[in-house]
Amino acid sequence: MKPTKTKPRKNTAALLERTKRHLAYLALTLVIVSQACSTTRTKPPATTSLKTFVSDGCTCVPDGPHSDPDRWTPACEKHDLTYWQGGSHRDRLNADIKLKAAIKESGHPFISEIYFIGTRFGGSPYFPTPWRWGFGRPWPSGYHKASTPLTPDS
């Protein structure tokens, strides 16, 4: 018996139909995500007052290796100060890169990568966590242009 050519065409048609449906779902998902992510602010609201600055060192992770348990505390506190203030996407990336570099310079390149990934994922300003980007401002504050660097006393 010779194979018929109609069967592959039916499979092709079904595959094209599924592909169209998947593309429609993908397009809808991209539209929803792009709208959800378009809440970036260009400046903080005028009525926003910063909360008191607090730092716990390296949040949810060790402040240093077993041999020197407070090794990274100064770098983490500086990182926390930047996160407390908030700012733009680029400001946050720079803060995370500086923390990563400080830990790497202490001789722990693998740990620096883990902390970098953790801060990039867990520090989003859109999570209502006490360690989020801009945690000195009321949630949700999103990203904004930092007017001038702030200190805990200002």
Protein backbone atom coordinates (compact mmCIF):
# COMPACT_ATOMS: atom_id res chain seq x y z
CA MET A 1 0.00 0.00 0.00
CA LYS A 2 1.15 3.45 -0.84
CA PRO A 3 0.99 6.11 1.85
CA THR A 4 -1.48 8.83 1.06
CA LYS A 5 -0.47 12.46 1.02
CA THR A 6 -3.67 13.68 2.66
CA LYS A 7 -2.69 12.47 6.11
CA PRO A 8 0.45 14.61 6.35
CA ARG A 9 -1.54 17.61 5.15
CA LYS A 10 -4.05 17.10 7.94
CA ASN A 11 -1.21 16.91 10.46
CA THR A 12 0.34 20.02 8.97
CA ALA A 13 -2.95 21.87 9.16
CA ALA A 14 -3.41 20.83 12.79
CA LEU A 15 0.14 21.90 13.59
CA LEU A 16 -0.39 25.29 11.95
CA GLU A 17 -3.62 25.75 13.89
CA ARG A 18 -1.88 24.97 17.21
CA THR A 19 0.99 27.28 16.30
CA LYS A 20 -1.45 30.13 15.58
CA ARG A 21 -3.14 29.54 18.91
CA HIS A 22 0.20 29.49 20.77
CA LEU A 23 1.31 32.68 19.04
CA ALA A 24 -1.95 34.34 20.04
CA TYR A 25 -1.38 33.32 23.67
CA LEU A 26 2.20 34.54 23.50
CA ALA A 27 1.13 37.89 22.03
CA LEU A 28 -1.52 38.33 24.73
CA THR A 29 1.00 37.48 27.45
CA LEU A 30 3.51 39.99 26.06
CA VAL A 31 0.87 42.73 25.97
CA ILE A 32 -0.13 42.06 29.58
CA VAL A 33 3.46 41.91 30.80
CA SER A 34 4.44 45.07 28.94
CA GLN A 35 1.54 46.93 30.53
CA ALA A 36 2.39 45.62 33.98
CA CYS A 37 6.01 46.71 33.56
CA SER A 38 5.17 50.16 32.22
CA THR A 39 4.53 51.56 35.69
CA THR A 40 8.00 53.10 35.88
CA ARG A 41 7.93 56.55 37.39
CA THR A 42 10.12 59.34 36.15
CA LYS A 43 10.29 60.96 39.60
CA PRO A 44 9.09 60.12 43.09
CA PRO A 45 5.79 61.61 44.22
CA ALA A 46 6.19 65.00 45.87
CA THR A 47 4.45 63.79 49.03
CA THR A 48 6.83 60.87 49.53
CA SER A 49 8.91 61.01 52.66
CA LEU A 50 11.60 58.46 53.28
CA LYS A 51 11.36 56.05 56.16
CA THR A 52 14.21 55.83 58.64
CA PHE A 53 17.18 53.99 57.18
CA VAL A 54 17.82 50.53 58.57
CA SER A 55 20.23 47.83 57.50
CA ASP A 56 20.68 44.26 58.60
CA GLY A 57 23.90 43.78 56.64
CA CYS A 58 23.57 41.11 53.99
CA THR A 59 19.83 40.37 54.05
CA CYS A 60 18.84 36.69 54.34
CA VAL A 61 22.40 35.50 53.67
CA PRO A 62 25.66 35.37 55.67
CA ASP A 63 27.60 38.62 56.15
CA GLY A 64 30.85 36.84 55.44
CA PRO A 65 32.64 33.49 55.34
CA HIS A 66 33.00 31.34 58.48
CA SER A 67 36.55 32.62 59.00
CA ASP A 68 35.42 36.30 58.96
CA PRO A 69 31.65 36.46 59.59
CA ASP A 70 31.36 40.25 59.18
CA ARG A 71 33.61 40.55 56.10
CA TRP A 72 30.92 41.81 53.71
CA THR A 73 28.85 43.84 56.21
CA PRO A 74 30.21 47.27 55.12
CA ALA A 75 29.56 46.48 51.44
CA CYS A 76 26.08 45.17 52.23
CA GLU A 77 25.26 48.25 54.34
CA LYS A 78 26.38 50.54 51.51
CA HIS A 79 24.24 48.44 49.14
CA ASP A 80 21.29 48.75 51.55
CA LEU A 81 21.69 52.54 51.65
CA THR A 82 21.44 52.68 47.86
CA TYR A 83 18.43 50.34 47.89
CA TRP A 84 16.77 52.42 50.64
CA GLN A 85 16.98 55.53 48.46
CA GLY A 86 15.96 53.84 45.20
CA GLY A 87 16.43 55.38 41.78
CA SER A 88 16.59 54.24 38.19
CA HIS A 89 17.10 50.78 36.66
CA ARG A 90 20.73 51.71 36.00
CA ASP A 91 21.25 52.90 39.61
CA ARG A 92 20.05 49.53 40.89
CA LEU A 93 22.24 47.58 38.47
CA ASN A 94 25.28 49.65 39.48
CA ALA A 95 24.58 49.03 43.18
CA ASP A 96 24.32 45.28 42.58
CA ILE A 97 27.52 45.25 40.51
CA LYS A 98 29.40 47.11 43.28
CA LEU A 99 28.24 44.59 45.88
CA LYS A 100 29.27 41.73 43.62
CA ALA A 101 32.71 43.30 43.07
CA ALA A 102 33.27 43.83 46.79
CA ILE A 103 32.50 40.20 47.60
CA LYS A 104 34.57 38.96 44.67
CA GLU A 105 37.56 41.08 45.78
CA SER A 106 37.41 39.36 49.16
CA GLY A 107 38.27 36.11 47.40
CA HIS A 108 34.78 34.66 46.97
CA PRO A 109 33.86 34.88 43.26
CA PHE A 110 31.26 32.10 43.42
CA ILE A 111 29.48 33.66 46.40
CA SER A 112 29.56 37.05 44.63
CA GLU A 113 27.66 35.53 41.69
CA ILE A 114 25.04 34.00 44.00
CA TYR A 115 24.52 37.29 45.86
CA PHE A 116 24.33 39.19 42.55
CA ILE A 117 21.66 36.85 41.17
CA GLY A 118 19.77 37.03 44.46
CA THR A 119 19.72 40.82 44.53
CA ARG A 120 18.76 41.07 40.86
CA PHE A 121 15.82 38.74 41.35
CA GLY A 122 14.71 39.46 44.91
CA GLY A 123 15.31 43.21 45.02
CA SER A 124 12.65 44.24 42.51
CA PRO A 125 10.79 47.41 43.53
CA TYR A 126 7.52 45.69 42.59
CA PHE A 127 7.74 43.13 45.42
CA PRO A 128 6.30 44.36 48.75
CA THR A 129 9.38 43.16 50.67
CA PRO A 130 11.38 45.13 53.24
CA TRP A 131 14.57 44.70 51.15
CA ARG A 132 13.17 45.84 47.76
CA TRP A 133 14.65 48.62 45.64
CA GLY A 134 13.49 51.91 47.17
CA PHE A 135 12.49 50.36 50.51
CA GLY A 136 12.73 53.78 52.17
CA ARG A 137 9.73 54.90 50.12
CA PRO A 138 6.14 53.71 50.41
CA TRP A 139 5.38 50.64 48.31
CA PRO A 140 4.88 50.60 45.36
CA SER A 141 7.32 53.28 44.28
CA GLY A 142 8.84 51.55 41.24
CA TYR A 143 11.88 53.00 39.53
CA HIS A 144 12.48 56.74 39.34
CA LYS A 145 15.28 59.16 38.67
CA ALA A 146 17.11 59.90 41.88
CA SER A 147 17.30 63.67 42.26
CA THR A 148 20.35 63.78 44.53
CA PRO A 149 22.03 61.11 46.60
CA LEU A 150 20.43 61.01 50.02
CA THR A 151 21.88 60.15 53.37
CA PRO A 152 19.97 58.62 56.28
CA ASP A 153 19.99 62.00 58.03
CA SER A 154 18.39 63.95 55.15
